[in-house]
Amino acid sequence: MIISYLLPFYMAFLIMVFKELSLTDFKKVKDRYIWMVLIVAFGVIGYFFYFSFKRKLITERKFHPDFTKTRYYQSKSN
């Protein structure tokens, strides 16, 4: 009875987690699939494990701005 009420919340949780996993850049591609299986198997507890180990598994984002290109708004001369 209670499970039928919690099932929509669990499905929404899985959709959000899978979206986050698909947008995350892992160092190894197979890590994404391993975490998907672990989260499906262990649910919320698996997500907490993923969240705690996430920094070790993803590639570090690099910030490389290109300040050589400038934008000038040219006014129309008649």
N, C-alpha and C. Protein backbone atom coordinates (compact mmCIF):
# COMPACT_ATOMS: atom_id res chain seq x y z
N MET A 1 0.82 -1.19 0.00
CA MET A 1 0.00 0.00 0.00
C MET A 1 0.87 1.26 0.00
N ILE A 2 1.79 1.33 0.94
CA ILE A 2 2.66 2.51 1.01
C ILE A 2 3.59 2.55 -0.20
N ILE A 3 3.99 1.38 -0.67
CA ILE A 3 4.90 1.32 -1.81
C ILE A 3 4.26 1.95 -3.04
N SER A 4 2.97 1.76 -3.21
CA SER A 4 2.30 2.34 -4.38
C SER A 4 2.30 3.87 -4.32
N TYR A 5 2.33 4.44 -3.14
CA TYR A 5 2.40 5.89 -3.02
C TYR A 5 3.83 6.41 -3.22
N LEU A 6 4.81 5.62 -2.85
CA LEU A 6 6.21 6.06 -2.96
C LEU A 6 6.80 5.80 -4.34
N LEU A 7 6.20 4.94 -5.13
CA LEU A 7 6.74 4.59 -6.43
C LEU A 7 6.90 5.79 -7.37
N PRO A 8 5.93 6.71 -7.48
CA PRO A 8 6.14 7.87 -8.35
C PRO A 8 7.31 8.76 -7.90
N PHE A 9 7.50 8.89 -6.60
CA PHE A 9 8.62 9.69 -6.10
C PHE A 9 9.95 9.02 -6.41
N TYR A 10 9.99 7.70 -6.28
CA TYR A 10 11.21 6.96 -6.59
C TYR A 10 11.53 7.04 -8.08
N MET A 11 10.53 6.96 -8.92
CA MET A 11 10.75 7.07 -10.36
C MET A 11 11.24 8.47 -10.73
N ALA A 12 10.67 9.51 -10.13
CA ALA A 12 11.14 10.87 -10.37
C ALA A 12 12.58 11.04 -9.89
N PHE A 13 12.88 10.44 -8.75
CA PHE A 13 14.25 10.47 -8.22
C PHE A 13 15.22 9.82 -9.20
N LEU A 14 14.86 8.66 -9.74
CA LEU A 14 15.74 7.97 -10.69
C LEU A 14 15.93 8.78 -11.96
N ILE A 15 14.89 9.43 -12.44
CA ILE A 15 15.00 10.25 -13.65
C ILE A 15 15.97 11.41 -13.42
N MET A 16 15.85 12.07 -12.27
CA MET A 16 16.75 13.19 -11.97
C MET A 16 18.20 12.72 -11.82
N VAL A 17 18.39 11.59 -11.17
CA VAL A 17 19.75 11.07 -10.98
C VAL A 17 20.35 10.65 -12.32
N PHE A 18 19.57 9.99 -13.17
CA PHE A 18 20.10 9.58 -14.47
C PHE A 18 20.42 10.79 -15.34
N LYS A 19 19.65 11.85 -15.21
CA LYS A 19 19.96 13.07 -15.95
C LYS A 19 21.28 13.65 -15.46
N GLU A 20 21.47 13.68 -14.15
CA GLU A 20 22.73 14.19 -13.60
C GLU A 20 23.90 13.32 -14.04
N LEU A 21 23.73 12.01 -14.03
CA LEU A 21 24.81 11.12 -14.45
C LEU A 21 25.13 11.29 -15.93
N SER A 22 24.12 11.54 -16.75
CA SER A 22 24.38 11.69 -18.18
C SER A 22 25.09 13.00 -18.49
N LEU A 23 24.93 14.01 -17.65
CA LEU A 23 25.58 15.30 -17.88
C LEU A 23 26.96 15.41 -17.24
N THR A 24 27.32 14.45 -16.40
CA THR A 24 28.59 14.48 -15.70
C THR A 24 29.69 13.89 -16.58
N ASP A 25 30.85 14.55 -16.61
CA ASP A 25 32.00 14.05 -17.37
C ASP A 25 32.87 13.20 -16.45
N PHE A 26 32.77 11.90 -16.60
CA PHE A 26 33.57 10.98 -15.80
C PHE A 26 34.93 10.78 -16.46
N LYS A 27 35.92 10.40 -15.65
CA LYS A 27 37.25 10.11 -16.19
C LYS A 27 37.20 8.86 -17.07
N LYS A 28 36.41 7.87 -16.65
CA LYS A 28 36.22 6.64 -17.42
C LYS A 28 34.74 6.52 -17.76
N VAL A 29 34.45 6.12 -18.98
CA VAL A 29 33.06 6.02 -19.43
C VAL A 29 32.32 4.94 -18.67
N LYS A 30 32.99 3.85 -18.33
CA LYS A 30 32.31 2.75 -17.65
C LYS A 30 31.85 3.13 -16.25
N ASP A 31 32.46 4.15 -15.65
CA ASP A 31 32.04 4.58 -14.31
C ASP A 31 30.59 5.05 -14.29
N ARG A 32 30.15 5.68 -15.36
CA ARG A 32 28.78 6.16 -15.44
C ARG A 32 27.79 4.99 -15.33
N TYR A 33 28.07 3.93 -16.05
CA TYR A 33 27.17 2.78 -16.05
C TYR A 33 27.22 2.01 -14.73
N ILE A 34 28.39 1.96 -14.13
CA ILE A 34 28.51 1.31 -12.83
C ILE A 34 27.69 2.06 -11.79
N TRP A 35 27.76 3.39 -11.80
CA TRP A 35 26.99 4.17 -10.84
C TRP A 35 25.49 4.06 -11.10
N MET A 36 25.09 3.95 -12.37
CA MET A 36 23.66 3.76 -12.66
C MET A 36 23.15 2.47 -12.04
N VAL A 37 23.92 1.40 -12.18
CA VAL A 37 23.51 0.11 -11.61
C VAL A 37 23.48 0.18 -10.09
N LEU A 38 24.49 0.81 -9.49
CA LEU A 38 24.53 0.91 -8.04
C LEU A 38 23.37 1.74 -7.49
N ILE A 39 23.01 2.80 -8.18
CA ILE A 39 21.91 3.64 -7.70
C ILE A 39 20.58 2.93 -7.86
N VAL A 40 20.40 2.18 -8.93
CA VAL A 40 19.16 1.41 -9.08
C VAL A 40 19.09 0.32 -8.01
N ALA A 41 20.22 -0.32 -7.72
CA ALA A 41 20.24 -1.42 -6.75
C ALA A 41 20.04 -0.93 -5.31
N PHE A 42 20.67 0.20 -4.97
CA PHE A 42 20.64 0.65 -3.58
C PHE A 42 19.81 1.90 -3.34
N GLY A 43 19.28 2.50 -4.38
CA GLY A 43 18.37 3.64 -4.24
C GLY A 43 19.05 4.88 -3.69
N VAL A 44 18.43 5.46 -2.70
CA VAL A 44 18.90 6.72 -2.12
C VAL A 44 20.27 6.55 -1.48
N ILE A 45 20.51 5.41 -0.86
CA ILE A 45 21.81 5.15 -0.24
C ILE A 45 22.91 5.13 -1.31
N GLY A 46 22.62 4.53 -2.46
CA GLY A 46 23.58 4.52 -3.56
C GLY A 46 23.87 5.91 -4.07
N TYR A 47 22.85 6.78 -4.08
CA TYR A 47 23.06 8.15 -4.52
C TYR A 47 23.95 8.91 -3.54
N PHE A 48 23.78 8.67 -2.25
CA PHE A 48 24.64 9.33 -1.27
C PHE A 48 26.09 8.87 -1.42
N PHE A 49 26.31 7.59 -1.72
CA PHE A 49 27.66 7.12 -1.99
C PHE A 49 28.22 7.80 -3.23
N TYR A 50 27.41 7.91 -4.28
CA TYR A 50 27.85 8.59 -5.51
C TYR A 50 28.21 10.04 -5.21
N PHE A 51 27.37 10.70 -4.44
CA PHE A 51 27.61 12.11 -4.13
C PHE A 51 28.89 12.29 -3.33
N SER A 52 29.20 11.34 -2.44
CA SER A 52 30.41 11.47 -1.63
C SER A 52 31.68 11.15 -2.42
N PHE A 53 31.61 10.27 -3.44
CA PHE A 53 32.78 9.91 -4.23
C PHE A 53 32.86 10.65 -5.55
N LYS A 54 31.95 11.55 -5.82
CA LYS A 54 31.84 12.20 -7.12
C LYS A 54 33.10 12.98 -7.50
N ARG A 55 33.69 13.68 -6.58
CA ARG A 55 34.86 14.53 -6.89
C ARG A 55 36.06 13.71 -7.35
N LYS A 56 36.17 12.48 -6.87
CA LYS A 56 37.30 11.64 -7.27
C LYS A 56 37.11 11.04 -8.65
N LEU A 57 35.87 10.97 -9.13
CA LEU A 57 35.58 10.25 -10.36
C LEU A 57 35.42 11.12 -11.59
N ILE A 58 35.20 12.42 -11.40
CA ILE A 58 34.92 13.27 -12.55
C ILE A 58 36.17 14.03 -12.97
N THR A 59 36.16 14.48 -14.22
CA THR A 59 37.27 15.30 -14.70
C THR A 59 37.10 16.72 -14.18
N GLU A 60 38.21 17.33 -13.89
CA GLU A 60 38.17 18.69 -13.35
C GLU A 60 37.89 19.67 -14.48
N ARG A 61 36.99 20.58 -14.23
CA ARG A 61 36.65 21.58 -15.24
C ARG A 61 37.75 22.62 -15.33
N LYS A 62 38.10 22.97 -16.54
CA LYS A 62 39.13 23.98 -16.78
C LYS A 62 38.47 25.24 -17.30
N PHE A 63 38.97 26.37 -16.84
CA PHE A 63 38.44 27.65 -17.28
C PHE A 63 39.50 28.30 -18.17
N HIS A 64 39.21 28.37 -19.45
CA HIS A 64 40.13 28.96 -20.42
C HIS A 64 39.41 30.07 -21.19
N PRO A 65 39.34 31.24 -20.62
CA PRO A 65 38.66 32.32 -21.34
C PRO A 65 39.52 32.84 -22.48
N ASP A 66 38.87 33.32 -23.50
CA ASP A 66 39.57 33.90 -24.65
C ASP A 66 39.23 35.39 -24.68
N PHE A 67 40.14 36.19 -24.12
CA PHE A 67 39.90 37.62 -24.04
C PHE A 67 40.47 38.37 -25.23
N THR A 68 40.98 37.66 -26.21
CA THR A 68 41.53 38.33 -27.38
C THR A 68 40.44 38.82 -28.31
N LYS A 69 39.32 38.18 -28.29
CA LYS A 69 38.21 38.59 -29.15
C LYS A 69 37.38 39.63 -28.40
N THR A 70 37.17 40.73 -29.03
CA THR A 70 36.33 41.76 -28.42
C THR A 70 35.15 42.02 -29.32
N ARG A 71 34.09 42.40 -28.72
CA ARG A 71 32.88 42.72 -29.48
C ARG A 71 32.67 44.22 -29.46
N TYR A 72 32.57 44.75 -30.62
CA TYR A 72 32.26 46.17 -30.73
C TYR A 72 30.92 46.29 -31.42
N TYR A 73 30.10 47.07 -30.86
CA TYR A 73 28.80 47.32 -31.47
C TYR A 73 28.95 48.54 -32.37
N GLN A 74 28.85 48.29 -33.63
CA GLN A 74 29.03 49.38 -34.59
C GLN A 74 27.70 50.05 -34.84
N SER A 75 27.72 51.33 -34.76
CA SER A 75 26.50 52.07 -35.08
C SER A 75 26.39 52.22 -36.59
N LYS A 76 25.19 52.24 -37.07
CA LYS A 76 24.98 52.38 -38.51
C LYS A 76 25.17 53.83 -38.90
N SER A 77 26.11 54.05 -39.79
CA SER A 77 26.37 55.41 -40.27
C SER A 77 25.65 55.61 -41.59
N ASN A 78 25.01 56.74 -41.72
CA ASN A 78 24.32 57.05 -42.98
C ASN A 78 25.12 57.99 -43.80
